[in-house]
């Protein structure tokens, strides 16, 4: 999932809310890999501003996708995402 720019909450706030409701989350390993410690001091080439990769790195995460999840479980997860996003 990627939080669109108009969503004021941070990824950390959303994932903490979901985890409190027993919905597993994981960070997406992608985005701007040039910001990883491995790249410090190593030669590499950057093409463009990488603003989209920064966006993905800061705003994207996974929720549980175990194939044994029932429709009820999936609906619960979707309802909790909607509940969070509708909070003032």
PDB file of N, CA and C in Angstrom:
ATOM      1  N   UNK A   1       0.849  -1.153   0.000  1.00  0.00           N
ATOM      2  CA  UNK A   1       0.000   0.000   0.000  1.00  0.00           C
ATOM      3  C   UNK A   1       0.903   1.225   0.000  1.00  0.00           C
ATOM      4  N   UNK A   2       0.463   2.260  -0.688  1.00  0.00           N
ATOM      5  CA  UNK A   2       1.197   3.520  -0.696  1.00  0.00           C
ATOM      6  C   UNK A   2       0.247   4.629  -0.279  1.00  0.00           C
ATOM      7  N   UNK A   3       0.636   5.383   0.732  1.00  0.00           N
ATOM      8  CA  UNK A   3      -0.174   6.506   1.201  1.00  0.00           C
ATOM      9  C   UNK A   3      -0.014   7.668   0.234  1.00  0.00           C
ATOM     10  N   UNK A   4      -1.108   8.108  -0.313  1.00  0.00           N
ATOM     11  CA  UNK A   4      -1.066   9.225  -1.257  1.00  0.00           C
ATOM     12  C   UNK A   4      -0.676  10.518  -0.542  1.00  0.00           C
ATOM     13  N   UNK A   5      -0.225  11.513  -1.306  1.00  0.00           N
ATOM     14  CA  UNK A   5       0.266  12.753  -0.693  1.00  0.00           C
ATOM     15  C   UNK A   5      -0.762  13.462   0.197  1.00  0.00           C
ATOM     16  N   UNK A   6      -2.052  13.357  -0.106  1.00  0.00           N
ATOM     17  CA  UNK A   6      -3.047  14.065   0.700  1.00  0.00           C
ATOM     18  C   UNK A   6      -3.280  13.422   2.068  1.00  0.00           C
ATOM     19  N   UNK A   7      -2.787  12.198   2.279  1.00  0.00           N
ATOM     20  CA  UNK A   7      -2.912  11.538   3.580  1.00  0.00           C
ATOM     21  C   UNK A   7      -1.891  12.166   4.514  1.00  0.00           C
ATOM     22  N   UNK A   8      -2.380  12.780   5.568  1.00  0.00           N
ATOM     23  CA  UNK A   8      -1.489  13.507   6.485  1.00  0.00           C
ATOM     24  C   UNK A   8      -0.712  12.578   7.419  1.00  0.00           C
ATOM     25  N   UNK A   9      -1.213  11.393   7.658  1.00  0.00           N
ATOM     26  CA  UNK A   9      -0.550  10.450   8.556  1.00  0.00           C
ATOM     27  C   UNK A   9       0.730   9.923   7.924  1.00  0.00           C
ATOM     28  N   UNK A  10       1.655   9.543   8.787  1.00  0.00           N
ATOM     29  CA  UNK A  10       2.886   8.915   8.305  1.00  0.00           C
ATOM     30  C   UNK A  10       2.667   7.410   8.163  1.00  0.00           C
ATOM     31  N   UNK A  11       3.547   6.798   7.429  1.00  0.00           N
ATOM     32  CA  UNK A  11       3.500   5.342   7.294  1.00  0.00           C
ATOM     33  C   UNK A  11       3.610   4.690   8.674  1.00  0.00           C
ATOM     34  N   UNK A  12       4.459   5.241   9.533  1.00  0.00           N
ATOM     35  CA  UNK A  12       4.660   4.680  10.867  1.00  0.00           C
ATOM     36  C   UNK A  12       3.377   4.739  11.691  1.00  0.00           C
ATOM     37  N   UNK A  13       2.621   5.818  11.561  1.00  0.00           N
ATOM     38  CA  UNK A  13       1.352   5.928  12.284  1.00  0.00           C
ATOM     39  C   UNK A  13       0.347   4.892  11.798  1.00  0.00           C
ATOM     40  N   UNK A  14       0.269   4.713  10.501  1.00  0.00           N
ATOM     41  CA  UNK A  14      -0.676   3.745   9.933  1.00  0.00           C
ATOM     42  C   UNK A  14      -0.276   2.325  10.323  1.00  0.00           C
ATOM     43  N   UNK A  15       0.990   1.982  10.168  1.00  0.00           N
ATOM     44  CA  UNK A  15       1.400   0.612  10.477  1.00  0.00           C
ATOM     45  C   UNK A  15       1.277   0.321  11.977  1.00  0.00           C
ATOM     46  N   UNK A  16       1.540   1.293  12.826  1.00  0.00           N
ATOM     47  CA  UNK A  16       1.369   1.085  14.273  1.00  0.00           C
ATOM     48  C   UNK A  16      -0.103   0.818  14.596  1.00  0.00           C
ATOM     49  N   UNK A  17      -1.012   1.569  13.984  1.00  0.00           N
ATOM     50  CA  UNK A  17      -2.444   1.356  14.184  1.00  0.00           C
ATOM     51  C   UNK A  17      -2.835  -0.056  13.749  1.00  0.00           C
ATOM     52  N   UNK A  18      -2.388  -0.462  12.575  1.00  0.00           N
ATOM     53  CA  UNK A  18      -2.730  -1.794  12.076  1.00  0.00           C
ATOM     54  C   UNK A  18      -2.147  -2.888  12.965  1.00  0.00           C
ATOM     55  N   UNK A  19      -0.907  -2.720  13.396  1.00  0.00           N
ATOM     56  CA  UNK A  19      -0.282  -3.715  14.272  1.00  0.00           C
ATOM     57  C   UNK A  19      -1.034  -3.830  15.599  1.00  0.00           C
ATOM     58  N   UNK A  20      -1.519  -2.700  16.128  1.00  0.00           N
ATOM     59  CA  UNK A  20      -2.311  -2.751  17.369  1.00  0.00           C
ATOM     60  C   UNK A  20      -3.580  -3.571  17.185  1.00  0.00           C
ATOM     61  N   UNK A  21      -4.058  -3.668  15.958  1.00  0.00           N
ATOM     62  CA  UNK A  21      -5.263  -4.442  15.660  1.00  0.00           C
ATOM     63  C   UNK A  21      -4.917  -5.814  15.078  1.00  0.00           C
ATOM     64  N   UNK A  22      -3.676  -6.248  15.344  1.00  0.00           N
ATOM     65  CA  UNK A  22      -3.219  -7.591  14.960  1.00  0.00           C
ATOM     66  C   UNK A  22      -3.187  -7.812  13.447  1.00  0.00           C
ATOM     67  N   UNK A  23      -2.929  -6.739  12.688  1.00  0.00           N
ATOM     68  CA  UNK A  23      -2.763  -6.828  11.238  1.00  0.00           C
ATOM     69  C   UNK A  23      -1.282  -6.637  10.957  1.00  0.00           C
ATOM     70  N   UNK A  24      -0.656  -7.682  10.480  1.00  0.00           N
ATOM     71  CA  UNK A  24       0.785  -7.645  10.241  1.00  0.00           C
ATOM     72  C   UNK A  24       1.146  -6.694   9.110  1.00  0.00           C
ATOM     73  N   UNK A  25       2.239  -5.996   9.277  1.00  0.00           N
ATOM     74  CA  UNK A  25       2.752  -5.094   8.245  1.00  0.00           C
ATOM     75  C   UNK A  25       4.248  -5.324   8.079  1.00  0.00           C
ATOM     76  N   UNK A  26       4.745  -4.968   6.924  1.00  0.00           N
ATOM     77  CA  UNK A  26       6.175  -5.017   6.640  1.00  0.00           C
ATOM     78  C   UNK A  26       6.511  -3.828   5.754  1.00  0.00           C
ATOM     79  N   UNK A  27       7.713  -3.310   5.930  1.00  0.00           N
ATOM     80  CA  UNK A  27       8.164  -2.244   5.056  1.00  0.00           C
ATOM     81  C   UNK A  27       8.544  -2.834   3.711  1.00  0.00           C
ATOM     82  N   UNK A  28       8.340  -2.072   2.687  1.00  0.00           N
ATOM     83  CA  UNK A  28       8.712  -2.484   1.341  1.00  0.00           C
ATOM     84  C   UNK A  28      10.201  -2.240   1.168  1.00  0.00           C
ATOM     85  N   UNK A  29      10.925  -3.262   0.765  1.00  0.00           N
ATOM     86  CA  UNK A  29      12.351  -3.067   0.503  1.00  0.00           C
ATOM     87  C   UNK A  29      12.488  -2.597  -0.933  1.00  0.00           C
ATOM     88  N   UNK A  30      12.447  -1.344  -1.087  1.00  0.00           N
ATOM     89  CA  UNK A  30      12.578  -0.722  -2.404  1.00  0.00           C
ATOM     90  C   UNK A  30      12.679   0.771  -2.169  1.00  0.00           C
ATOM     91  N   UNK A  31      12.387   1.511  -3.176  1.00  0.00           N
ATOM     92  CA  UNK A  31      12.497   2.951  -3.041  1.00  0.00           C
ATOM     93  C   UNK A  31      13.898   3.389  -3.403  1.00  0.00           C
ATOM     94  N   UNK A  32      14.348   4.437  -2.767  1.00  0.00           N
ATOM     95  CA  UNK A  32      15.634   5.033  -3.096  1.00  0.00           C
ATOM     96  C   UNK A  32      16.761   4.266  -2.414  1.00  0.00           C
ATOM     97  N   UNK A  33      17.260   3.247  -3.087  1.00  0.00           N
ATOM     98  CA  UNK A  33      18.316   2.420  -2.511  1.00  0.00           C
ATOM     99  C   UNK A  33      19.619   3.186  -2.326  1.00  0.00           C
ATOM    100  N   UNK A  34      19.775   4.319  -3.005  1.00  0.00           N
ATOM    101  CA  UNK A  34      21.001   5.112  -2.827  1.00  0.00           C
ATOM    102  C   UNK A  34      21.072   5.705  -1.425  1.00  0.00           C
ATOM    103  N   UNK A  35      19.978   5.688  -0.687  1.00  0.00           N
ATOM    104  CA  UNK A  35      19.975   6.196   0.693  1.00  0.00           C
ATOM    105  C   UNK A  35      20.371   5.120   1.710  1.00  0.00           C
ATOM    106  N   UNK A  36      20.563   3.906   1.250  1.00  0.00           N
ATOM    107  CA  UNK A  36      20.979   2.827   2.136  1.00  0.00           C
ATOM    108  C   UNK A  36      22.448   3.013   2.518  1.00  0.00           C
ATOM    109  N   UNK A  37      22.818   2.628   3.733  1.00  0.00           N
ATOM    110  CA  UNK A  37      24.207   2.807   4.185  1.00  0.00           C
ATOM    111  C   UNK A  37      25.243   2.199   3.246  1.00  0.00           C
ATOM    112  N   UNK A  38      24.903   1.130   2.586  1.00  0.00           N
ATOM    113  CA  UNK A  38      25.845   0.483   1.668  1.00  0.00           C
ATOM    114  C   UNK A  38      26.406   1.454   0.634  1.00  0.00           C
ATOM    115  N   UNK A  39      25.608   2.391   0.184  1.00  0.00           N
ATOM    116  CA  UNK A  39      26.030   3.283  -0.898  1.00  0.00           C
ATOM    117  C   UNK A  39      26.924   4.428  -0.437  1.00  0.00           C
ATOM    118  N   UNK A  40      27.030   4.661   0.868  1.00  0.00           N
ATOM    119  CA  UNK A  40      27.883   5.747   1.348  1.00  0.00           C
ATOM    120  C   UNK A  40      29.321   5.488   0.931  1.00  0.00           C
ATOM    121  N   UNK A  41      29.881   6.436   0.198  1.00  0.00           N
ATOM    122  CA  UNK A  41      31.273   6.340  -0.206  1.00  0.00           C
ATOM    123  C   UNK A  41      31.536   5.386  -1.361  1.00  0.00           C
ATOM    124  N   UNK A  42      30.514   4.799  -1.909  1.00  0.00           N
ATOM    125  CA  UNK A  42      30.692   3.881  -3.036  1.00  0.00           C
ATOM    126  C   UNK A  42      30.299   4.592  -4.324  1.00  0.00           C
ATOM    127  N   UNK A  43      31.035   4.333  -5.376  1.00  0.00           N
ATOM    128  CA  UNK A  43      30.674   4.966  -6.649  1.00  0.00           C
ATOM    129  C   UNK A  43      29.351   4.403  -7.177  1.00  0.00           C
ATOM    130  N   UNK A  44      28.488   5.288  -7.582  1.00  0.00           N
ATOM    131  CA  UNK A  44      27.228   4.880  -8.210  1.00  0.00           C
ATOM    132  C   UNK A  44      26.705   6.049  -9.036  1.00  0.00           C
ATOM    133  N   UNK A  45      25.818   5.751  -9.947  1.00  0.00           N
ATOM    134  CA  UNK A  45      25.256   6.761 -10.839  1.00  0.00           C
ATOM    135  C   UNK A  45      23.801   6.978 -10.475  1.00  0.00           C
ATOM    136  N   UNK A  46      23.365   8.235 -10.477  1.00  0.00           N
ATOM    137  CA  UNK A  46      21.974   8.589 -10.206  1.00  0.00           C
ATOM    138  C   UNK A  46      21.424   9.304 -11.433  1.00  0.00           C
ATOM    139  N   UNK A  47      20.270   8.869 -11.873  1.00  0.00           N
ATOM    140  CA  UNK A  47      19.623   9.492 -13.027  1.00  0.00           C
ATOM    141  C   UNK A  47      18.338  10.176 -12.563  1.00  0.00           C
ATOM    142  N   UNK A  48      18.316  11.496 -12.595  1.00  0.00           N
ATOM    143  CA  UNK A  48      17.122  12.234 -12.189  1.00  0.00           C
ATOM    144  C   UNK A  48      17.105  12.533 -10.700  1.00  0.00           C
ATOM    145  N   UNK A  49      15.958  13.040 -10.252  1.00  0.00           N
ATOM    146  CA  UNK A  49      15.837  13.491  -8.862  1.00  0.00           C
ATOM    147  C   UNK A  49      15.533  12.364  -7.879  1.00  0.00           C
ATOM    148  N   UNK A  50      15.064  11.233  -8.353  1.00  0.00           N
ATOM    149  CA  UNK A  50      14.664  10.093  -7.520  1.00  0.00           C
ATOM    150  C   UNK A  50      13.512  10.444  -6.573  1.00  0.00           C
ATOM    151  N   UNK A  51      12.753  11.483  -6.896  1.00  0.00           N
ATOM    152  CA  UNK A  51      11.653  11.872  -6.007  1.00  0.00           C
ATOM    153  C   UNK A  51      10.606  10.780  -5.882  1.00  0.00           C
ATOM    154  N   UNK A  52      10.346  10.032  -6.932  1.00  0.00           N
ATOM    155  CA  UNK A  52       9.371   8.947  -6.835  1.00  0.00           C
ATOM    156  C   UNK A  52       9.884   7.804  -5.970  1.00  0.00           C
ATOM    157  N   UNK A  53      11.176   7.524  -6.063  1.00  0.00           N
ATOM    158  CA  UNK A  53      11.729   6.463  -5.226  1.00  0.00           C
ATOM    159  C   UNK A  53      11.744   6.888  -3.759  1.00  0.00           C
ATOM    160  N   UNK A  54      11.999   8.168  -3.493  1.00  0.00           N
ATOM    161  CA  UNK A  54      11.897   8.670  -2.117  1.00  0.00           C
ATOM    162  C   UNK A  54      10.470   8.533  -1.606  1.00  0.00           C
ATOM    163  N   UNK A  55       9.507   8.855  -2.458  1.00  0.00           N
ATOM    164  CA  UNK A  55       8.095   8.754  -2.082  1.00  0.00           C
ATOM    165  C   UNK A  55       7.743   7.312  -1.704  1.00  0.00           C
ATOM    166  N   UNK A  56       8.154   6.379  -2.528  1.00  0.00           N
ATOM    167  CA  UNK A  56       7.887   4.962  -2.248  1.00  0.00           C
ATOM    168  C   UNK A  56       8.564   4.547  -0.947  1.00  0.00           C
ATOM    169  N   UNK A  57       9.797   4.971  -0.760  1.00  0.00           N
ATOM    170  CA  UNK A  57      10.549   4.599   0.437  1.00  0.00           C
ATOM    171  C   UNK A  57       9.876   5.110   1.712  1.00  0.00           C
ATOM    172  N   UNK A  58       9.259   6.267   1.646  1.00  0.00           N
ATOM    173  CA  UNK A  58       8.668   6.890   2.830  1.00  0.00           C
ATOM    174  C   UNK A  58       7.191   6.548   3.032  1.00  0.00           C
ATOM    175  N   UNK A  59       6.470   6.147   1.983  1.00  0.00           N
ATOM    176  CA  UNK A  59       5.012   6.051   2.077  1.00  0.00           C
ATOM    177  C   UNK A  59       4.440   4.669   1.751  1.00  0.00           C
ATOM    178  N   UNK A  60       5.276   3.674   1.485  1.00  0.00           N
ATOM    179  CA  UNK A  60       4.773   2.375   1.055  1.00  0.00           C
ATOM    180  C   UNK A  60       5.061   1.297   2.094  1.00  0.00           C
ATOM    181  N   UNK A  61       4.109   0.368   2.239  1.00  0.00           N
ATOM    182  CA  UNK A  61       4.270  -0.775   3.137  1.00  0.00           C
ATOM    183  C   UNK A  61       3.358  -1.906   2.667  1.00  0.00           C
ATOM    184  N   UNK A  62       3.616  -3.083   3.190  1.00  0.00           N
ATOM    185  CA  UNK A  62       2.793  -4.259   2.907  1.00  0.00           C
ATOM    186  C   UNK A  62       1.890  -4.538   4.107  1.00  0.00           C
ATOM    187  N   UNK A  63       0.738  -5.114   3.856  1.00  0.00           N
ATOM    188  CA  UNK A  63      -0.023  -5.736   4.941  1.00  0.00           C
ATOM    189  C   UNK A  63      -0.027  -7.228   4.663  1.00  0.00           C
ATOM    190  N   UNK A  64      -0.443  -8.017   5.649  1.00  0.00           N
ATOM    191  CA  UNK A  64      -0.399  -9.471   5.529  1.00  0.00           C
ATOM    192  C   UNK A  64      -1.052  -9.994   4.257  1.00  0.00           C
ATOM    193  N   UNK A  65      -0.356 -10.911   3.588  1.00  0.00           N
ATOM    194  CA  UNK A  65      -0.884 -11.495   2.359  1.00  0.00           C
ATOM    195  C   UNK A  65      -0.841 -13.022   2.404  1.00  0.00           C
ATOM    196  N   UNK A  66      -0.822 -13.580   3.601  1.00  0.00           N
ATOM    197  CA  UNK A  66      -0.807 -15.030   3.770  1.00  0.00           C
ATOM    198  C   UNK A  66      -1.993 -15.641   3.027  1.00  0.00           C
ATOM    199  N   UNK A  67      -1.760 -16.676   2.212  1.00  0.00           N
ATOM    200  CA  UNK A  67      -2.848 -17.237   1.399  1.00  0.00           C
ATOM    201  C   UNK A  67      -3.971 -17.880   2.219  1.00  0.00           C
ATOM    202  N   UNK A  68      -3.723 -18.130   3.500  1.00  0.00           N
ATOM    203  CA  UNK A  68      -4.755 -18.726   4.344  1.00  0.00           C
ATOM    204  C   UNK A  68      -5.713 -17.714   4.962  1.00  0.00           C
ATOM    205  N   UNK A  69      -5.552 -16.435   4.626  1.00  0.00           N
ATOM    206  CA  UNK A  69      -6.468 -15.426   5.170  1.00  0.00           C
ATOM    207  C   UNK A  69      -7.855 -15.629   4.575  1.00  0.00           C
ATOM    208  N   UNK A  70      -8.844 -15.599   5.447  1.00  0.00           N
ATOM    209  CA  UNK A  70     -10.221 -15.767   4.984  1.00  0.00           C
ATOM    210  C   UNK A  70     -10.770 -14.436   4.492  1.00  0.00           C
ATOM    211  N   UNK A  71     -11.905 -14.496   3.839  1.00  0.00           N
ATOM    212  CA  UNK A  71     -12.551 -13.263   3.382  1.00  0.00           C
ATOM    213  C   UNK A  71     -12.905 -12.370   4.565  1.00  0.00           C
ATOM    214  N   UNK A  72     -13.298 -12.968   5.672  1.00  0.00           N
ATOM    215  CA  UNK A  72     -13.607 -12.196   6.885  1.00  0.00           C
ATOM    216  C   UNK A  72     -12.360 -11.466   7.379  1.00  0.00           C
ATOM    217  N   UNK A  73     -11.231 -12.141   7.380  1.00  0.00           N
ATOM    218  CA  UNK A  73      -9.969 -11.522   7.817  1.00  0.00           C
ATOM    219  C   UNK A  73      -9.567 -10.380   6.885  1.00  0.00           C
ATOM    220  N   UNK A  74      -9.707 -10.609   5.590  1.00  0.00           N
ATOM    221  CA  UNK A  74      -9.368  -9.563   4.621  1.00  0.00           C
ATOM    222  C   UNK A  74     -10.286  -8.360   4.772  1.00  0.00           C
ATOM    223  N   UNK A  75     -11.577  -8.613   4.989  1.00  0.00           N
ATOM    224  CA  UNK A  75     -12.522  -7.518   5.210  1.00  0.00           C
ATOM    225  C   UNK A  75     -12.168  -6.744   6.473  1.00  0.00           C
ATOM    226  N   UNK A  76     -11.756  -7.454   7.525  1.00  0.00           N
ATOM    227  CA  UNK A  76     -11.358  -6.798   8.771  1.00  0.00           C
ATOM    228  C   UNK A  76     -10.187  -5.858   8.513  1.00  0.00           C
ATOM    229  N   UNK A  77      -9.175  -6.343   7.786  1.00  0.00           N
ATOM    230  CA  UNK A  77      -8.005  -5.513   7.483  1.00  0.00           C
ATOM    231  C   UNK A  77      -8.413  -4.293   6.668  1.00  0.00           C
ATOM    232  N   UNK A  78      -9.228  -4.489   5.658  1.00  0.00           N
ATOM    233  CA  UNK A  78      -9.678  -3.361   4.828  1.00  0.00           C
ATOM    234  C   UNK A  78     -10.471  -2.363   5.663  1.00  0.00           C
ATOM    235  N   UNK A  79     -11.338  -2.859   6.528  1.00  0.00           N
ATOM    236  CA  UNK A  79     -12.134  -1.971   7.382  1.00  0.00           C
ATOM    237  C   UNK A  79     -11.252  -1.154   8.317  1.00  0.00           C
ATOM    238  N   UNK A  80     -10.182  -1.763   8.834  1.00  0.00           N
ATOM    239  CA  UNK A  80      -9.282  -1.034   9.737  1.00  0.00           C
ATOM    240  C   UNK A  80      -8.506   0.041   8.983  1.00  0.00           C
ATOM    241  N   UNK A  81      -8.099  -0.242   7.757  1.00  0.00           N
ATOM    242  CA  UNK A  81      -7.420   0.786   6.952  1.00  0.00           C
ATOM    243  C   UNK A  81      -8.374   1.955   6.731  1.00  0.00           C
ATOM    244  N   UNK A  82      -9.607   1.654   6.353  1.00  0.00           N
ATOM    245  CA  UNK A  82     -10.606   2.702   6.128  1.00  0.00           C
ATOM    246  C   UNK A  82     -10.861   3.477   7.417  1.00  0.00           C
ATOM    247  N   UNK A  83     -10.989   2.759   8.537  1.00  0.00           N
ATOM    248  CA  UNK A  83     -11.207   3.420   9.829  1.00  0.00           C
ATOM    249  C   UNK A  83     -10.088   4.408  10.138  1.00  0.00           C
ATOM    250  N   UNK A  84      -8.856   3.984   9.944  1.00  0.00           N
ATOM    251  CA  UNK A  84      -7.734   4.876  10.214  1.00  0.00           C
ATOM    252  C   UNK A  84      -7.762   6.102   9.318  1.00  0.00           C
ATOM    253  N   UNK A  85      -7.987   5.881   8.044  1.00  0.00           N
ATOM    254  CA  UNK A  85      -7.944   6.997   7.089  1.00  0.00           C
ATOM    255  C   UNK A  85      -9.099   7.976   7.270  1.00  0.00           C
ATOM    256  N   UNK A  86     -10.182   7.550   7.865  1.00  0.00           N
ATOM    257  CA  UNK A  86     -11.303   8.444   8.104  1.00  0.00           C
ATOM    258  C   UNK A  86     -11.192   9.229   9.404  1.00  0.00           C
ATOM    259  N   UNK A  87     -10.196   8.878  10.239  1.00  0.00           N
ATOM    260  CA  UNK A  87     -10.016   9.621  11.484  1.00  0.00           C
ATOM    261  C   UNK A  87      -9.670  11.068  11.183  1.00  0.00           C
ATOM    262  N   UNK A  88     -10.231  11.981  11.974  1.00  0.00           N
ATOM    263  CA  UNK A  88      -9.929  13.410  11.722  1.00  0.00           C
ATOM    264  C   UNK A  88      -8.479  13.762  11.958  1.00  0.00           C
TER     265      UNK A  88
END
